[in-house]
Amino acid sequence: MDVPGPDSDWRSPQFRQKVVAQIDEAMRKAGTAHNKSSNDMENHVYVKAKSREEYLSLVARLIIHFRDIQKKNMGGGPGK
């Protein structure tokens, strides 16, 4: 029997949809074209993760990656 609790909520469609929205926002702010949608990326992470902690860790790394791209695009390098 699946008992609702802090470890099972990450599998719910509502929770996953919030994560997709966060990934989508990070992608949009990064302003670069991607060949995968936020849904595809979230699903890849979801399938890979074996626990809530692993899922959230992978999602966080993904969002940080897009924030780094955003900083690189905004901060500019030499000659900007």
C-alpha atoms as a PDB file:
ATOM      1  CA  MET A   1       0.000   0.000   0.000  1.00  0.00           C
ATOM      2  CA  ASP A   2       1.281   3.442  -0.927  1.00  0.00           C
ATOM      3  CA  VAL A   3       1.040   5.662   2.125  1.00  0.00           C
ATOM      4  CA  PRO A   4       0.974   9.411   1.440  1.00  0.00           C
ATOM      5  CA  GLY A   5       3.875  11.136   3.105  1.00  0.00           C
ATOM      6  CA  PRO A   6       6.858  13.377   2.541  1.00  0.00           C
ATOM      7  CA  ASP A   7       8.590  10.737   0.406  1.00  0.00           C
ATOM      8  CA  SER A   8       5.682  10.016  -1.947  1.00  0.00           C
ATOM      9  CA  ASP A   9       4.550  13.544  -2.870  1.00  0.00           C
ATOM     10  CA  TRP A  10       7.412  14.040  -5.342  1.00  0.00           C
ATOM     11  CA  ARG A  11       5.803  11.442  -7.605  1.00  0.00           C
ATOM     12  CA  SER A  12       2.482  13.290  -7.803  1.00  0.00           C
ATOM     13  CA  PRO A  13       1.533  14.986 -11.093  1.00  0.00           C
ATOM     14  CA  GLN A  14       0.994  18.306  -9.265  1.00  0.00           C
ATOM     15  CA  PHE A  15       4.492  18.297  -7.752  1.00  0.00           C
ATOM     16  CA  ARG A  16       6.075  17.279 -11.047  1.00  0.00           C
ATOM     17  CA  GLN A  17       4.177  20.017 -12.900  1.00  0.00           C
ATOM     18  CA  LYS A  18       5.600  22.642 -10.522  1.00  0.00           C
ATOM     19  CA  VAL A  19       9.084  21.322 -11.251  1.00  0.00           C
ATOM     20  CA  VAL A  20       8.431  21.484 -15.010  1.00  0.00           C
ATOM     21  CA  ALA A  21       7.368  25.132 -14.580  1.00  0.00           C
ATOM     22  CA  GLN A  22      10.599  25.918 -12.700  1.00  0.00           C
ATOM     23  CA  ILE A  23      12.722  24.257 -15.385  1.00  0.00           C
ATOM     24  CA  ASP A  24      10.753  26.095 -18.064  1.00  0.00           C
ATOM     25  CA  GLU A  25      11.337  29.451 -16.367  1.00  0.00           C
ATOM     26  CA  ALA A  26      15.062  28.763 -15.975  1.00  0.00           C
ATOM     27  CA  MET A  27      15.289  27.820 -19.671  1.00  0.00           C
ATOM     28  CA  ARG A  28      13.399  30.949 -20.701  1.00  0.00           C
ATOM     29  CA  LYS A  29      15.622  33.214 -18.588  1.00  0.00           C
ATOM     30  CA  ALA A  30      18.754  31.577 -20.016  1.00  0.00           C
ATOM     31  CA  GLY A  31      17.497  32.668 -23.431  1.00  0.00           C
ATOM     32  CA  THR A  32      19.094  29.861 -25.389  1.00  0.00           C
ATOM     33  CA  ALA A  33      17.457  27.396 -27.743  1.00  0.00           C
ATOM     34  CA  HIS A  34      17.216  23.806 -26.527  1.00  0.00           C
ATOM     35  CA  ASN A  35      16.294  20.691 -28.426  1.00  0.00           C
ATOM     36  CA  LYS A  36      14.432  19.239 -25.427  1.00  0.00           C
ATOM     37  CA  SER A  37      11.373  20.681 -23.725  1.00  0.00           C
ATOM     38  CA  SER A  38      11.133  21.233 -19.982  1.00  0.00           C
ATOM     39  CA  ASN A  39       8.711  18.276 -19.882  1.00  0.00           C
ATOM     40  CA  ASP A  40      11.277  16.029 -21.559  1.00  0.00           C
ATOM     41  CA  MET A  41      14.010  17.124 -19.168  1.00  0.00           C
ATOM     42  CA  GLU A  42      11.851  16.623 -16.078  1.00  0.00           C
ATOM     43  CA  ASN A  43      10.754  13.201 -17.287  1.00  0.00           C
ATOM     44  CA  HIS A  44      14.373  12.152 -17.861  1.00  0.00           C
ATOM     45  CA  VAL A  45      15.274  13.217 -14.316  1.00  0.00           C
ATOM     46  CA  TYR A  46      12.145  11.536 -12.891  1.00  0.00           C
ATOM     47  CA  VAL A  47      12.932   8.200 -14.553  1.00  0.00           C
ATOM     48  CA  LYS A  48      16.565   8.371 -13.414  1.00  0.00           C
ATOM     49  CA  ALA A  49      15.832   9.270  -9.780  1.00  0.00           C
ATOM     50  CA  LYS A  50      15.349   6.540  -7.215  1.00  0.00           C
ATOM     51  CA  SER A  51      14.357   8.815  -4.334  1.00  0.00           C
ATOM     52  CA  ARG A  52      12.917  12.239  -3.608  1.00  0.00           C
ATOM     53  CA  GLU A  53      16.351  13.509  -2.595  1.00  0.00           C
ATOM     54  CA  GLU A  54      17.959  12.309  -5.824  1.00  0.00           C
ATOM     55  CA  TYR A  55      15.109  13.769  -7.895  1.00  0.00           C
ATOM     56  CA  LEU A  56      15.392  17.186  -6.247  1.00  0.00           C
ATOM     57  CA  SER A  57      19.178  17.124  -6.489  1.00  0.00           C
ATOM     58  CA  LEU A  58      19.085  16.408 -10.229  1.00  0.00           C
ATOM     59  CA  VAL A  59      16.444  19.092 -10.798  1.00  0.00           C
ATOM     60  CA  ALA A  60      18.521  21.610  -8.821  1.00  0.00           C
ATOM     61  CA  ARG A  61      21.614  20.820 -10.905  1.00  0.00           C
ATOM     62  CA  LEU A  62      19.594  21.317 -14.080  1.00  0.00           C
ATOM     63  CA  ILE A  63      18.246  24.701 -12.940  1.00  0.00           C
ATOM     64  CA  ILE A  64      21.715  25.825 -11.787  1.00  0.00           C
ATOM     65  CA  HIS A  65      23.058  24.875 -15.224  1.00  0.00           C
ATOM     66  CA  PHE A  66      20.534  27.198 -16.892  1.00  0.00           C
ATOM     67  CA  ARG A  67      21.291  29.981 -14.402  1.00  0.00           C
ATOM     68  CA  ASP A  68      24.982  29.665 -15.249  1.00  0.00           C
ATOM     69  CA  ILE A  69      24.119  30.030 -18.940  1.00  0.00           C
ATOM     70  CA  GLN A  70      22.018  33.094 -18.088  1.00  0.00           C
ATOM     71  CA  LYS A  71      24.890  34.668 -16.105  1.00  0.00           C
ATOM     72  CA  LYS A  72      27.322  33.960 -18.918  1.00  0.00           C
ATOM     73  CA  ASN A  73      24.989  35.571 -21.455  1.00  0.00           C
ATOM     74  CA  MET A  74      24.292  38.618 -19.267  1.00  0.00           C
ATOM     75  CA  GLY A  75      27.693  39.086 -17.658  1.00  0.00           C
ATOM     76  CA  GLY A  76      29.560  38.998 -20.906  1.00  0.00           C
ATOM     77  CA  GLY A  77      33.198  38.280 -21.323  1.00  0.00           C
ATOM     78  CA  PRO A  78      36.080  40.222 -22.813  1.00  0.00           C
ATOM     79  CA  GLY A  79      35.038  42.635 -25.518  1.00  0.00           C
ATOM     80  CA  LYS A  80      31.471  43.157 -24.315  1.00  0.00           C
END
